[in-house]
N, C-alpha and C. Protein backbone atom coordinates (compact mmCIF):
# COMPACT_ATOMS: atom_id res chain seq x y z
N MET A 1 217.06 188.43 -3.71
CA MET A 1 216.56 187.33 -4.52
C MET A 1 216.56 186.06 -3.67
N LYS A 2 215.49 185.29 -3.78
CA LYS A 2 215.39 184.03 -3.06
C LYS A 2 216.29 182.99 -3.72
N SER A 3 216.80 182.06 -2.91
CA SER A 3 217.70 181.05 -3.46
C SER A 3 217.30 179.66 -2.99
N LEU A 4 217.66 178.68 -3.78
CA LEU A 4 217.48 177.27 -3.42
C LEU A 4 218.81 176.56 -3.65
N LYS A 5 219.15 175.64 -2.75
CA LYS A 5 220.40 174.90 -2.87
C LYS A 5 220.15 173.50 -3.39
N PHE A 6 221.07 173.02 -4.22
CA PHE A 6 221.03 171.69 -4.79
C PHE A 6 222.41 171.07 -4.71
N SER A 7 222.45 169.75 -4.64
CA SER A 7 223.72 169.02 -4.68
C SER A 7 223.79 168.25 -5.99
N GLU A 8 224.98 167.77 -6.30
CA GLU A 8 225.14 166.89 -7.47
C GLU A 8 224.50 165.55 -7.14
N PRO A 9 223.92 164.84 -8.09
CA PRO A 9 223.91 165.11 -9.53
C PRO A 9 222.77 166.01 -9.98
N LEU A 10 222.02 166.60 -9.01
CA LEU A 10 220.86 167.41 -9.37
C LEU A 10 221.24 168.65 -10.16
N ILE A 11 222.38 169.26 -9.84
CA ILE A 11 222.82 170.46 -10.57
C ILE A 11 222.98 170.14 -12.05
N LYS A 12 223.63 169.04 -12.34
CA LYS A 12 223.83 168.65 -13.74
C LYS A 12 222.48 168.42 -14.43
N MET A 13 221.55 167.76 -13.73
CA MET A 13 220.23 167.50 -14.30
C MET A 13 219.49 168.81 -14.61
N ILE A 14 219.63 169.80 -13.71
CA ILE A 14 218.98 171.10 -13.93
C ILE A 14 219.58 171.79 -15.14
N LEU A 15 220.91 171.83 -15.20
CA LEU A 15 221.57 172.51 -16.32
C LEU A 15 221.31 171.82 -17.66
N GLU A 16 221.07 170.51 -17.63
CA GLU A 16 220.72 169.76 -18.84
C GLU A 16 219.22 169.80 -19.12
N ARG A 17 218.50 170.55 -18.30
CA ARG A 17 217.04 170.72 -18.43
C ARG A 17 216.28 169.40 -18.27
N LYS A 18 216.84 168.49 -17.49
CA LYS A 18 216.18 167.22 -17.20
C LYS A 18 215.41 167.30 -15.89
N LYS A 19 215.70 168.31 -15.08
CA LYS A 19 215.02 168.52 -13.80
C LYS A 19 214.50 169.95 -13.78
N ASN A 20 213.18 170.10 -13.62
CA ASN A 20 212.59 171.44 -13.53
C ASN A 20 211.54 171.51 -12.42
N VAL A 21 211.63 170.55 -11.50
CA VAL A 21 210.74 170.51 -10.34
C VAL A 21 211.57 170.18 -9.10
N THR A 22 211.27 170.87 -8.01
CA THR A 22 211.87 170.53 -6.74
C THR A 22 210.78 170.43 -5.69
N TRP A 23 210.97 169.54 -4.74
CA TRP A 23 210.03 169.37 -3.63
C TRP A 23 210.71 169.88 -2.38
N ARG A 24 210.03 170.75 -1.65
CA ARG A 24 210.61 171.33 -0.44
C ARG A 24 209.68 171.08 0.75
N ILE A 25 210.28 170.67 1.86
CA ILE A 25 209.54 170.38 3.08
C ILE A 25 209.28 171.67 3.87
N CYS A 26 210.31 172.42 4.09
CA CYS A 26 210.21 173.65 4.88
C CYS A 26 210.52 174.83 3.97
N ASP A 27 209.48 175.55 3.56
CA ASP A 27 209.70 176.70 2.68
C ASP A 27 209.63 177.98 3.49
N GLU A 28 210.69 178.26 4.23
CA GLU A 28 210.74 179.48 5.02
C GLU A 28 210.89 180.72 4.14
N LYS A 29 211.15 180.52 2.85
CA LYS A 29 211.33 181.64 1.92
C LYS A 29 210.01 182.08 1.28
N ASN A 30 208.95 181.30 1.50
CA ASN A 30 207.63 181.60 0.93
C ASN A 30 207.71 181.80 -0.59
N ILE A 31 208.20 180.81 -1.28
CA ILE A 31 208.35 180.87 -2.73
C ILE A 31 206.98 180.80 -3.39
N VAL A 32 206.76 181.72 -4.33
CA VAL A 32 205.48 181.80 -5.04
C VAL A 32 205.73 181.87 -6.55
N THR A 33 204.70 181.57 -7.31
CA THR A 33 204.77 181.66 -8.77
C THR A 33 205.20 183.07 -9.16
N GLY A 34 206.15 183.14 -10.08
CA GLY A 34 206.66 184.43 -10.56
C GLY A 34 207.98 184.84 -9.93
N ASP A 35 208.35 184.21 -8.81
CA ASP A 35 209.63 184.54 -8.17
C ASP A 35 210.80 184.21 -9.09
N LEU A 36 211.83 185.04 -9.05
CA LEU A 36 213.09 184.74 -9.71
C LEU A 36 214.00 184.16 -8.64
N LEU A 37 214.58 183.00 -8.92
CA LEU A 37 215.40 182.29 -7.94
C LEU A 37 216.85 182.21 -8.38
N SER A 38 217.73 182.25 -7.39
CA SER A 38 219.14 181.95 -7.60
C SER A 38 219.31 180.49 -7.20
N LEU A 39 219.69 179.64 -8.15
CA LEU A 39 219.92 178.23 -7.86
C LEU A 39 221.40 178.07 -7.53
N CYS A 40 221.68 177.51 -6.36
CA CYS A 40 223.04 177.46 -5.84
C CYS A 40 223.46 176.04 -5.51
N ASN A 41 224.78 175.83 -5.47
CA ASN A 41 225.29 174.54 -4.99
C ASN A 41 225.23 174.56 -3.46
N THR A 42 225.60 173.46 -2.84
CA THR A 42 225.49 173.37 -1.39
C THR A 42 226.41 174.35 -0.67
N GLY A 43 227.41 174.86 -1.37
CA GLY A 43 228.30 175.88 -0.80
C GLY A 43 227.74 177.29 -0.92
N GLY A 44 226.59 177.42 -1.58
CA GLY A 44 225.96 178.73 -1.72
C GLY A 44 226.36 179.50 -2.96
N GLU A 45 227.14 178.87 -3.86
CA GLU A 45 227.55 179.55 -5.10
C GLU A 45 226.49 179.33 -6.17
N GLU A 46 226.05 180.42 -6.79
CA GLU A 46 225.02 180.34 -7.82
C GLU A 46 225.54 179.63 -9.06
N PHE A 47 224.73 178.71 -9.60
CA PHE A 47 225.09 178.08 -10.87
C PHE A 47 224.13 178.47 -11.99
N THR A 48 222.97 179.00 -11.66
CA THR A 48 222.05 179.54 -12.67
C THR A 48 220.91 180.25 -11.96
N LYS A 49 220.06 180.90 -12.76
CA LYS A 49 218.85 181.52 -12.24
C LYS A 49 217.64 180.81 -12.87
N ALA A 50 216.52 180.88 -12.18
CA ALA A 50 215.30 180.25 -12.68
C ALA A 50 214.09 181.07 -12.25
N LYS A 51 213.02 180.95 -13.03
CA LYS A 51 211.76 181.60 -12.69
C LYS A 51 210.77 180.54 -12.25
N VAL A 52 210.07 180.80 -11.16
CA VAL A 52 209.05 179.86 -10.66
C VAL A 52 207.81 179.99 -11.54
N ILE A 53 207.40 178.86 -12.14
CA ILE A 53 206.23 178.88 -13.02
C ILE A 53 205.02 178.16 -12.42
N GLY A 54 205.22 177.56 -11.24
CA GLY A 54 204.09 176.91 -10.58
C GLY A 54 204.46 176.45 -9.18
N VAL A 55 203.51 176.56 -8.27
CA VAL A 55 203.71 176.13 -6.88
C VAL A 55 202.45 175.41 -6.42
N LYS A 56 202.64 174.31 -5.72
CA LYS A 56 201.52 173.53 -5.20
C LYS A 56 201.91 172.95 -3.86
N GLU A 57 201.00 173.02 -2.90
CA GLU A 57 201.25 172.40 -1.59
C GLU A 57 200.39 171.15 -1.48
N THR A 58 201.00 170.06 -1.02
CA THR A 58 200.32 168.78 -0.91
C THR A 58 201.01 167.95 0.17
N THR A 59 200.75 166.66 0.19
CA THR A 59 201.48 165.74 1.06
C THR A 59 202.16 164.72 0.17
N PHE A 60 203.16 164.02 0.71
CA PHE A 60 203.87 163.02 -0.09
C PHE A 60 202.91 161.97 -0.65
N GLU A 61 201.93 161.55 0.14
CA GLU A 61 201.01 160.51 -0.32
C GLU A 61 200.11 161.00 -1.45
N ASN A 62 199.96 162.31 -1.60
CA ASN A 62 199.10 162.86 -2.65
C ASN A 62 199.86 163.43 -3.84
N LEU A 63 201.17 163.17 -3.91
CA LEU A 63 201.93 163.60 -5.08
C LEU A 63 201.37 162.89 -6.32
N THR A 64 201.13 163.65 -7.37
CA THR A 64 200.59 163.09 -8.61
C THR A 64 201.71 162.79 -9.60
N ASP A 65 201.37 162.09 -10.67
CA ASP A 65 202.34 161.85 -11.74
C ASP A 65 202.86 163.18 -12.28
N GLU A 66 201.99 164.18 -12.37
CA GLU A 66 202.40 165.50 -12.87
C GLU A 66 203.41 166.15 -11.91
N ASP A 67 203.20 165.98 -10.59
CA ASP A 67 204.13 166.53 -9.61
C ASP A 67 205.50 165.88 -9.73
N LYS A 68 205.52 164.61 -10.15
CA LYS A 68 206.77 163.85 -10.25
C LYS A 68 207.48 164.08 -11.57
N GLU A 69 206.76 164.59 -12.58
CA GLU A 69 207.35 164.84 -13.89
C GLU A 69 208.34 166.00 -13.79
N GLY A 70 209.58 165.76 -14.22
CA GLY A 70 210.62 166.78 -14.14
C GLY A 70 211.40 166.73 -12.83
N HIS A 71 211.11 165.73 -12.01
CA HIS A 71 211.80 165.52 -10.73
C HIS A 71 212.63 164.27 -10.84
N GLU A 72 213.72 164.17 -10.07
CA GLU A 72 214.51 162.94 -10.09
C GLU A 72 213.64 161.78 -9.62
N LYS A 73 213.91 160.61 -10.16
CA LYS A 73 213.10 159.42 -9.88
C LYS A 73 213.63 158.65 -8.68
N PHE A 74 212.74 157.94 -8.03
CA PHE A 74 213.08 157.05 -6.92
C PHE A 74 212.61 155.65 -7.29
N SER A 75 213.35 154.64 -6.84
CA SER A 75 212.98 153.26 -7.17
C SER A 75 211.74 152.81 -6.42
N SER A 76 211.44 153.49 -5.30
CA SER A 76 210.26 153.12 -4.50
C SER A 76 209.90 154.29 -3.59
N ASP A 77 208.69 154.24 -3.03
CA ASP A 77 208.31 155.25 -2.04
C ASP A 77 209.23 155.17 -0.83
N LYS A 78 209.61 153.95 -0.44
CA LYS A 78 210.50 153.76 0.71
C LYS A 78 211.81 154.53 0.49
N GLU A 79 212.37 154.42 -0.71
CA GLU A 79 213.61 155.14 -1.02
C GLU A 79 213.38 156.65 -0.96
N MET A 80 212.24 157.11 -1.48
CA MET A 80 211.91 158.54 -1.47
C MET A 80 211.84 159.07 -0.03
N TYR A 81 211.14 158.35 0.85
CA TYR A 81 211.02 158.79 2.24
C TYR A 81 212.38 158.78 2.94
N LYS A 82 213.18 157.77 2.67
CA LYS A 82 214.52 157.68 3.27
C LYS A 82 215.39 158.85 2.80
N THR A 83 215.36 159.14 1.49
CA THR A 83 216.15 160.24 0.93
C THR A 83 215.77 161.56 1.57
N TYR A 84 214.46 161.84 1.63
CA TYR A 84 214.02 163.12 2.19
C TYR A 84 214.22 163.18 3.71
N SER A 85 214.13 162.04 4.39
CA SER A 85 214.42 162.00 5.83
C SER A 85 215.88 162.36 6.07
N ASN A 86 216.78 161.87 5.21
CA ASN A 86 218.21 162.20 5.32
C ASN A 86 218.46 163.68 5.02
N TYR A 87 217.80 164.21 3.98
CA TYR A 87 217.97 165.63 3.63
C TYR A 87 217.62 166.53 4.81
N HIS A 88 216.52 166.20 5.47
CA HIS A 88 215.97 167.11 6.48
C HIS A 88 216.22 166.68 7.92
N GLU A 89 216.91 165.56 8.09
CA GLU A 89 217.23 165.05 9.42
C GLU A 89 215.98 164.96 10.29
N MET A 90 214.89 164.46 9.69
CA MET A 90 213.64 164.21 10.38
C MET A 90 212.91 163.09 9.65
N LYS A 91 211.97 162.45 10.32
CA LYS A 91 211.25 161.35 9.69
C LYS A 91 210.20 161.91 8.73
N ILE A 92 210.31 161.54 7.46
CA ILE A 92 209.35 161.94 6.44
C ILE A 92 208.39 160.77 6.23
N THR A 93 207.09 161.05 6.24
CA THR A 93 206.07 160.03 6.09
C THR A 93 205.11 160.43 4.96
N PRO A 94 204.20 159.53 4.59
CA PRO A 94 203.22 159.90 3.56
C PRO A 94 202.41 161.15 3.91
N LYS A 95 202.23 161.43 5.19
CA LYS A 95 201.43 162.58 5.64
C LYS A 95 202.22 163.89 5.71
N THR A 96 203.54 163.83 5.50
CA THR A 96 204.37 165.03 5.57
C THR A 96 203.99 165.99 4.44
N LYS A 97 203.83 167.27 4.80
CA LYS A 97 203.51 168.29 3.79
C LYS A 97 204.74 168.57 2.94
N VAL A 98 204.49 168.80 1.66
CA VAL A 98 205.58 169.08 0.72
C VAL A 98 205.11 170.16 -0.26
N LYS A 99 206.03 171.05 -0.62
CA LYS A 99 205.73 172.10 -1.59
C LYS A 99 206.40 171.72 -2.91
N VAL A 100 205.61 171.61 -3.95
CA VAL A 100 206.08 171.27 -5.29
C VAL A 100 206.34 172.59 -6.03
N ILE A 101 207.60 172.82 -6.41
CA ILE A 101 207.99 174.05 -7.08
C ILE A 101 208.47 173.72 -8.48
N ARG A 102 207.74 174.22 -9.48
CA ARG A 102 208.11 174.01 -10.88
C ARG A 102 208.78 175.30 -11.36
N PHE A 103 209.92 175.14 -12.06
CA PHE A 103 210.67 176.31 -12.49
C PHE A 103 211.17 176.15 -13.93
N ARG A 104 211.56 177.29 -14.50
CA ARG A 104 212.13 177.34 -15.86
C ARG A 104 213.41 178.14 -15.75
N LEU A 105 214.50 177.66 -16.36
CA LEU A 105 215.75 178.40 -16.32
C LEU A 105 215.56 179.76 -16.96
N ALA A 106 216.14 180.78 -16.31
CA ALA A 106 215.99 182.17 -16.78
C ALA A 106 217.03 182.48 -17.84
């Protein structure tokens, strides 16, 4: 089973059904619609399972309001790029490719 890792406070948001979208820069797992995922904390321990209900590839500059719905909010694009640059230890720009993964708790 494919897995995705999340840190707090995202885990709480997922379990409260306030977050049902994740954006991934490097999808080496090739996640596709219909996949069953193990959602894990940063230590690799599963906290729930989810089914992928939609996948879209785009760039940060082309993220739509729909892509952002169900995702944690950022106060600005600058904050979003800084956050993702820290996550991935690389410079994230408007042209960086991103995979939008929409899921439903199983």
